[in-house]
Protein backbone atom coordinates (compact mmCIF):
# COMPACT_ATOMS: atom_id res chain seq x y z
CA MET A 1 -3.09 8.96 21.08
CA ARG A 2 0.63 8.46 20.48
CA THR A 3 3.24 10.86 19.14
CA LEU A 4 5.45 9.21 16.54
CA THR A 5 9.23 9.50 16.55
CA PRO A 6 11.61 9.37 13.57
CA ALA A 7 12.35 5.73 14.47
CA ASP A 8 8.63 4.96 14.43
CA LEU A 9 8.31 6.54 10.98
CA HIS A 10 11.21 4.45 9.71
CA ASP A 11 9.61 1.26 11.00
CA ILE A 12 6.21 2.13 9.50
CA ALA A 13 7.81 2.83 6.12
CA ALA A 14 9.77 -0.43 6.12
CA GLY A 15 6.80 -2.49 7.25
CA SER A 16 4.48 -0.76 4.80
CA ALA A 17 6.77 -1.72 1.95
CA VAL A 18 6.38 -5.37 2.96
CA LEU A 19 2.58 -5.09 3.09
CA GLY A 20 2.57 -2.96 -0.07
CA THR A 21 3.30 -6.04 -2.24
CA GLY A 22 5.69 -4.18 -4.52
CA GLY A 23 3.50 -1.09 -4.94
CA GLY A 24 2.53 1.99 -3.00
CA GLY A 25 5.75 3.78 -3.94
CA ASP A 26 9.34 3.80 -2.69
CA PRO A 27 9.32 3.59 1.14
CA TYR A 28 12.48 5.72 1.33
CA ILE A 29 10.70 8.58 -0.47
CA GLY A 30 7.70 8.24 1.83
CA GLU A 31 9.90 8.24 4.91
CA LEU A 32 11.81 11.32 3.71
CA ALA A 33 8.56 13.22 3.19
CA ALA A 34 7.28 12.33 6.66
CA LEU A 35 10.61 13.22 8.30
CA ARG A 36 10.76 16.54 6.49
CA SER A 37 7.28 17.43 7.70
CA LEU A 38 8.19 16.32 11.23
CA ASP A 39 11.23 18.59 11.22
CA GLU A 40 9.28 21.58 9.90
CA PHE A 41 5.92 21.23 11.65
CA GLY A 42 6.33 18.74 14.52
CA PRO A 43 5.68 15.02 14.94
CA PRO A 44 2.53 13.31 13.67
CA ARG A 45 0.10 11.74 16.13
CA LEU A 46 -1.47 8.30 15.80
CA ILE A 47 -4.89 7.48 17.25
CA GLY A 48 -6.79 4.22 17.43
CA VAL A 49 -10.14 3.63 15.79
CA ASP A 50 -11.68 3.44 19.26
CA GLU A 51 -10.64 7.08 19.88
CA ILE A 52 -12.90 8.56 17.20
CA VAL A 53 -16.64 9.22 17.52
CA ASP A 54 -19.50 8.87 15.04
CA THR A 55 -19.55 12.54 14.11
CA ASP A 56 -15.81 12.87 13.42
CA ARG A 57 -14.81 13.68 9.83
CA VAL A 58 -11.84 11.72 8.48
CA VAL A 59 -10.26 12.32 5.05
CA ILE A 60 -7.81 10.20 3.09
CA PRO A 61 -4.72 11.74 1.44
CA PHE A 62 -2.98 9.63 -1.22
CA MET A 63 -0.89 9.48 -4.37
CA VAL A 64 -2.51 8.22 -7.58
CA GLY A 65 -0.59 7.07 -10.66
CA SER A 66 2.54 5.10 -11.46
CA PRO A 67 5.25 4.81 -8.77
CA VAL A 68 8.06 5.18 -11.33
CA PRO A 69 7.74 8.98 -11.89
CA LEU A 70 7.52 9.45 -8.12
CA ILE A 71 11.29 8.91 -8.11
CA GLU A 72 11.70 12.13 -10.13
CA LYS A 73 8.61 14.03 -8.99
CA PHE A 74 8.03 14.58 -5.28
CA PRO A 75 4.38 15.70 -4.93
CA LEU A 76 4.31 15.45 -1.16
CA GLY A 77 4.63 19.13 -0.23
CA LYS A 78 2.51 21.98 -1.52
CA GLU A 79 0.62 19.69 -3.92
CA LEU A 80 -0.65 17.61 -1.02
CA THR A 81 -1.66 20.58 1.11
CA ASN A 82 -3.25 22.26 -1.92
CA ALA A 83 -5.34 19.14 -2.53
CA TYR A 84 -6.39 19.13 1.13
CA HIS A 85 -7.42 22.80 1.17
CA ALA A 86 -9.27 22.43 -2.15
CA LEU A 87 -11.34 19.60 -0.66
CA SER A 88 -11.85 21.45 2.64
CA ARG A 89 -13.44 24.35 0.80
CA PHE A 90 -15.89 21.86 -0.64
CA LEU A 91 -16.90 20.36 2.73
CA SER A 92 -19.41 21.69 5.24
CA ASP A 93 -17.87 19.98 8.30
CA PRO A 94 -14.32 20.52 9.62
CA VAL A 95 -11.85 17.67 9.23
CA THR A 96 -10.99 15.85 12.47
CA ALA A 97 -8.29 13.42 11.31
CA VAL A 98 -6.61 11.81 8.31
CA MET A 99 -6.12 8.15 7.39
CA PRO A 100 -4.21 6.14 4.74
CA VAL A 101 -6.09 4.63 1.83
CA GLU A 102 -3.70 1.68 1.68
CA ILE A 103 -0.61 0.25 3.28
CA GLY A 104 2.23 0.96 0.84
CA GLY A 105 5.67 2.50 0.97
CA VAL A 106 4.50 6.04 0.14
CA ASN A 107 0.75 5.96 0.61
CA SER A 108 1.15 4.89 4.24
CA MET A 109 3.41 7.87 4.84
CA VAL A 110 1.35 10.52 3.02
CA PRO A 111 -1.16 10.97 5.87
CA LEU A 112 1.69 11.03 8.40
CA SER A 113 3.30 13.89 6.48
CA LEU A 114 -0.01 15.74 6.21
CA SER A 115 -0.70 15.12 9.90
CA SER A 116 2.40 17.10 10.81
CA ARG A 117 1.53 19.90 8.41
CA LEU A 118 -2.07 20.23 9.62
CA GLY A 119 -1.71 19.30 13.28
CA LYS A 120 -4.40 16.64 12.86
CA PRO A 121 -3.99 13.02 14.03
CA VAL A 122 -3.74 9.93 11.83
CA VAL A 123 -6.22 7.09 12.40
CA ASP A 124 -4.57 3.68 12.79
CA ALA A 125 -6.53 2.05 9.95
CA ASP A 126 -6.72 1.91 6.15
CA CYS A 127 -9.01 0.73 3.35
CA MET A 128 -7.02 -2.25 2.02
CA GLY A 129 -4.71 -3.80 4.61
CA ARG A 130 -2.20 -3.93 1.72
CA ALA A 131 -1.80 -2.00 -1.55
CA PHE A 132 -3.88 -2.44 -4.71
CA PRO A 133 -3.33 -0.76 -8.09
CA GLU A 134 -6.87 0.54 -8.57
CA GLY A 135 -8.76 3.07 -6.48
CA GLN A 136 -12.04 1.16 -6.31
CA LEU A 137 -10.34 -1.86 -4.71
CA ILE A 138 -11.03 -0.69 -1.18
CA THR A 139 -13.10 -1.98 1.69
CA LEU A 140 -15.36 1.07 1.35
CA THR A 141 -16.55 -0.27 -2.02
CA LEU A 142 -17.56 -3.52 -0.35
CA ASP A 143 -19.90 -1.51 1.89
CA GLY A 144 -21.17 0.80 -0.84
CA ILE A 145 -19.30 3.86 0.45
CA GLY A 146 -17.99 6.29 -2.16
CA MET A 147 -14.56 7.94 -2.04
CA SER A 148 -15.79 11.15 -3.66
CA PRO A 149 -15.63 14.05 -3.46
CA VAL A 150 -11.90 13.84 -4.19
CA SER A 151 -9.46 16.66 -4.84
CA LEU A 152 -6.41 16.14 -7.08
CA ALA A 153 -3.56 18.63 -7.39
CA ASP A 154 -0.27 19.02 -9.23
CA GLU A 155 2.93 21.02 -8.80
CA ARG A 156 1.75 23.77 -11.17
CA GLY A 157 -1.07 24.89 -8.90
CA ASN A 158 -3.87 23.06 -10.73
CA SER A 159 -6.53 21.32 -8.67
CA VAL A 160 -9.65 19.39 -9.64
CA ILE A 161 -12.64 18.26 -7.57
CA LEU A 162 -14.23 15.00 -8.68
CA GLU A 163 -17.73 13.89 -7.74
CA THR A 164 -18.62 10.47 -9.15
CA CYS A 165 -21.47 8.01 -8.90
CA ASP A 166 -19.22 5.23 -7.58
CA ASN A 167 -15.59 4.31 -6.93
CA PHE A 168 -15.17 2.65 -10.33
CA TRP A 169 -15.81 5.93 -12.14
CA LEU A 170 -13.61 7.75 -9.65
CA GLU A 171 -10.73 5.40 -10.49
CA ARG A 172 -11.28 5.96 -14.21
CA PHE A 173 -11.35 9.75 -14.04
CA SER A 174 -8.56 10.15 -11.44
CA ARG A 175 -6.29 7.84 -13.45
CA SER A 176 -6.83 9.96 -16.57
CA LEU A 177 -6.14 13.17 -14.65
CA ALA A 178 -3.02 11.69 -13.06
CA ILE A 179 -1.66 11.06 -16.55
CA ASP A 180 -2.33 14.69 -17.51
CA PHE A 181 -0.66 15.80 -14.27
CA GLY A 182 2.54 13.94 -15.23
CA ALA A 183 1.69 10.27 -14.46
CA ILE A 184 1.25 10.91 -10.73
CA ALA A 185 -0.80 13.32 -8.62
CA ALA A 186 -1.56 14.14 -5.00
CA GLY A 187 -5.13 13.61 -3.85
CA VAL A 188 -7.36 13.92 -0.80
CA GLY A 189 -10.83 12.43 -0.58
CA ALA A 190 -13.32 10.14 1.14
CA PRO A 191 -14.69 12.48 3.82
CA LEU A 192 -15.79 9.61 6.07
CA THR A 193 -17.67 9.73 9.34
CA GLY A 194 -16.13 8.16 12.42
CA ARG A 195 -18.77 5.45 12.26
CA GLN A 196 -17.85 4.56 8.69
CA VAL A 197 -14.19 4.32 9.66
CA ARG A 198 -15.02 1.92 12.49
CA GLU A 199 -17.32 -0.26 10.39
CA SER A 200 -15.69 -0.33 6.96
CA THR A 201 -11.90 -0.18 7.29
CA VAL A 202 -9.01 -2.45 8.26
CA HIS A 203 -8.11 -1.57 11.85
CA GLY A 204 -4.60 -1.34 13.31
CA SER A 205 -2.83 -1.51 9.96
CA LEU A 206 -0.26 1.21 10.64
CA SER A 207 0.68 -0.42 13.95
CA TYR A 208 0.96 -3.74 12.13
CA ALA A 209 3.32 -2.18 9.58
CA GLU A 210 5.32 -0.65 12.44
CA ARG A 211 5.73 -4.05 14.12
CA ILE A 212 7.02 -5.56 10.89
CA GLY A 213 9.46 -2.70 10.36
CA ARG A 214 10.68 -2.98 13.94
CA ALA A 215 11.22 -6.72 13.49
CA ILE A 216 13.37 -6.05 10.42
CA ARG A 217 15.40 -3.37 12.21
CA GLU A 218 15.98 -5.44 15.32
CA ALA A 219 16.95 -8.52 13.30
CA ARG A 220 19.48 -6.49 11.36
CA ALA A 221 20.93 -4.99 14.54
CA ALA A 222 21.32 -8.49 16.00
CA LYS A 223 22.77 -9.80 12.70
CA GLN A 224 19.86 -12.19 12.37
CA ASP A 225 17.74 -13.19 9.38
CA GLY A 226 15.44 -10.33 8.38
CA VAL A 227 13.30 -12.55 6.17
CA ALA A 228 12.71 -14.95 9.05
CA ALA A 229 11.72 -12.00 11.26
CA ILE A 230 9.13 -10.91 8.69
CA LEU A 231 7.70 -14.40 8.33
CA SER A 232 7.45 -14.69 12.11
CA GLU A 233 5.72 -11.31 12.56
CA THR A 234 3.27 -11.81 9.68
CA ARG A 235 2.88 -15.59 10.03
CA GLY A 236 3.61 -15.63 6.35
CA PHE A 237 4.83 -18.23 3.89
CA GLU A 238 8.05 -18.58 1.93
CA ILE A 239 7.15 -19.04 -1.73
CA PHE A 240 10.54 -19.03 -3.48
CA ARG A 241 14.25 -18.21 -3.23
CA GLY A 242 16.42 -17.33 -6.17
CA LYS A 243 17.94 -14.73 -8.47
CA ILE A 244 16.11 -12.30 -10.73
CA THR A 245 17.12 -13.15 -14.30
CA ASP A 246 14.83 -10.79 -16.20
CA VAL A 247 12.47 -7.88 -15.57
CA GLN A 248 9.98 -6.60 -18.12
CA ARG A 249 8.39 -3.29 -17.16
CA ARG A 250 6.35 -0.62 -18.92
CA ILE A 251 4.16 2.34 -17.95
CA GLU A 252 0.67 2.11 -19.38
CA ARG A 253 -2.56 3.92 -18.48
CA GLY A 254 -0.94 5.32 -15.35
CA TRP A 255 0.32 1.95 -14.05
CA THR A 256 3.65 0.17 -13.99
CA LEU A 257 2.98 -3.21 -15.57
CA GLY A 258 5.29 -6.16 -16.15
CA GLU A 259 6.82 -9.27 -14.69
CA ALA A 260 9.95 -10.48 -12.93
CA ILE A 261 11.46 -13.89 -13.74
CA LEU A 262 13.44 -15.74 -11.07
CA GLU A 263 15.62 -18.82 -11.26
CA GLY A 264 15.56 -20.88 -8.08
CA SER A 265 18.38 -21.50 -5.63
CA GLU A 266 18.89 -23.70 -2.56
CA GLY A 267 15.79 -25.86 -2.20
CA TYR A 268 14.24 -24.24 -5.28
CA ALA A 269 17.13 -25.01 -7.64
CA GLY A 270 15.86 -26.08 -11.05
CA SER A 271 12.56 -24.21 -10.63
CA ARG A 272 11.44 -20.96 -12.19
CA LEU A 273 9.10 -18.35 -10.72
CA VAL A 274 7.30 -15.57 -12.59
CA VAL A 275 5.81 -12.69 -10.58
CA ARG A 276 3.45 -10.50 -12.58
CA PHE A 277 2.60 -7.02 -11.40
CA GLN A 278 0.41 -3.99 -12.02
CA ASN A 279 2.11 -1.56 -9.63
CA GLU A 280 1.59 -4.35 -7.05
CA ASN A 281 2.49 -8.03 -7.40
CA LEU A 282 -0.62 -9.89 -8.54
CA VAL A 283 0.29 -13.55 -9.12
CA ALA A 284 3.27 -15.82 -8.53
CA ILE A 285 3.62 -18.69 -11.03
CA ARG A 286 6.06 -21.47 -10.23
CA ASP A 287 6.85 -23.87 -13.07
CA ASP A 288 3.61 -22.88 -14.85
CA ALA A 289 1.40 -23.31 -11.76
CA ILE A 290 0.00 -20.41 -9.74
CA VAL A 291 1.22 -20.65 -6.14
CA ALA A 292 -0.18 -17.33 -4.85
CA SER A 293 -2.54 -14.66 -6.11
CA VAL A 294 -4.41 -11.53 -5.13
CA PRO A 295 -6.00 -10.66 -2.81
CA ASP A 296 -3.32 -12.45 -0.73
CA LEU A 297 -0.07 -10.50 -0.47
CA ILE A 298 3.00 -11.36 -2.57
CA THR A 299 6.18 -9.53 -1.61
CA ILE A 300 9.72 -9.75 -2.97
CA LEU A 301 12.41 -9.30 -0.30
CA ASP A 302 16.14 -8.77 -0.44
CA ALA A 303 17.52 -12.17 0.59
CA ASP A 304 20.25 -10.69 2.79
CA LEU A 305 18.61 -7.65 4.39
CA GLY A 306 14.91 -8.54 4.39
CA ASP A 307 13.98 -5.18 2.83
CA ALA A 308 10.98 -5.24 0.50
CA ILE A 309 11.78 -4.41 -3.12
CA THR A 310 9.16 -2.36 -4.95
CA THR A 311 8.35 -3.15 -8.56
CA GLU A 312 10.12 -0.06 -9.89
CA HIS A 313 13.37 -1.18 -8.21
CA LEU A 314 13.46 -4.83 -9.33
CA ARG A 315 16.73 -5.49 -11.18
CA TYR A 316 18.57 -8.33 -12.88
CA GLY A 317 20.86 -10.21 -10.53
CA TYR A 318 19.10 -9.41 -7.26
CA ARG A 319 19.01 -12.38 -4.89
CA VAL A 320 15.58 -12.44 -3.36
CA VAL A 321 13.03 -14.33 -1.31
CA VAL A 322 9.38 -14.21 -2.36
CA VAL A 323 6.92 -14.43 0.52
CA GLY A 324 3.16 -14.65 0.77
CA ILE A 325 0.96 -13.17 3.50
CA ARG A 326 -2.73 -13.71 4.13
CA CYS A 327 -4.98 -10.81 3.18
CA ASP A 328 -7.51 -9.30 5.56
CA ALA A 329 -10.63 -11.38 6.08
CA LYS A 330 -12.75 -8.76 4.26
CA TRP A 331 -11.06 -9.76 1.00
CA ARG A 332 -11.84 -13.45 1.49
CA THR A 333 -15.58 -12.91 1.41
CA PRO A 334 -17.39 -13.62 -1.89
CA ALA A 335 -17.74 -9.87 -2.46
CA GLY A 336 -14.05 -9.28 -1.70
CA ILE A 337 -12.91 -12.02 -4.08
CA ALA A 338 -15.25 -10.75 -6.81
CA LEU A 339 -13.88 -7.23 -6.43
CA ALA A 340 -10.13 -7.90 -6.05
CA GLY A 341 -9.52 -11.56 -6.90
CA PRO A 342 -7.41 -12.87 -9.80
CA ARG A 343 -10.27 -12.76 -12.32
CA HIS A 344 -10.57 -9.00 -11.88
CA PHE A 345 -7.02 -8.68 -13.25
CA GLY A 346 -7.60 -11.02 -16.17
CA TYR A 347 -6.38 -14.30 -14.69
CA GLU A 348 -9.01 -16.93 -15.41
CA VAL A 349 -8.45 -18.91 -12.23
CA ASP A 350 -10.33 -19.14 -8.97
CA TYR A 351 -8.86 -17.60 -5.86
CA VAL A 352 -7.37 -20.19 -3.53
CA PRO A 353 -6.09 -19.03 -0.11
CA ILE A 354 -2.32 -19.11 0.05
CA GLU A 355 -2.23 -21.53 2.98
CA GLN A 356 -4.18 -24.03 0.88
CA ARG A 357 -1.97 -23.58 -2.17
CA LEU A 358 1.19 -24.03 -0.09
CA GLY A 359 -0.17 -26.58 2.36
CA GLY A 360 0.45 -24.36 5.40
CA SER A 361 -1.57 -24.19 8.59
CA ALA A 362 -0.34 -20.96 10.18
CA THR A 363 -3.00 -18.71 11.66
CA PRO A 364 -3.41 -15.17 10.30
CA PRO A 365 -1.99 -12.23 12.26
CA GLY A 366 -4.25 -10.73 14.89
């Protein structure tokens, strides 16, 4: 067990934004929420998967909806604790710990904020190893484990308990409710056993995000290349360098959908890259050919600072580097590709691992 400092929270937020592939919410907002809870209730504690036992009960707090209204709404205080207590009243066993559903700028920080408020530790694991735009796209689904019951709450004091037959129906109903709640809502669900956490999640993902964030911070302090530090820590791939020349973005069915168009610079001069997103970046298309796709990670970074840019903050004129990172091995199985590959999102192409598309031979992070 390790007590997290404000510097640790900053690193986790920055690294989570890189792994969040453009989604998961603004990391600055997530960091603010975690720091506010730390100041009011004390620091969160992080435990490894090997520190929990079979009978432990672990729940997953999260935000559901579009990240754009999160900038104006801040449902990380009473809404989050209300959702937790509503679910707790529905459970027969006491909750031992909390855990993130995904690694994203806000959703990585939500359990850290709740950890401080409740005095319960956060498990160093998650259910994606990245961020995905739909609630059923989790490693639990691959193993037939349901997220429900789930509690959703809003700032008005409303709360709803959902029990569904599978995670696909949970995504459908929670998305509809999030729209009624103002396009985003706080939720708590997936009362998992310790054994399920060990067998069906991505281990060490918060620590991984922290290492990436620390690499960015240390590179900046040494006036070194933040993008290079990220590529070194993740053993990732540079996909493109250039300037954003257009961004098309809309909110639809509780998602932020659209695309960013980039004109190449340096070694990519004369080329054009299109990154299409649904909260998260889904495919990168260079000169009409796909060069990276889900479930591998596609992240747009500030070319000078190395900071990840979420889809709601993409703007004309930004000079950026687009990088690709291998997804967790669970997503490269036939079941993982069927669940979260490009065809799921309407792209009629087969998934090809990013190292094969780009001709790289780097080994995935340990």
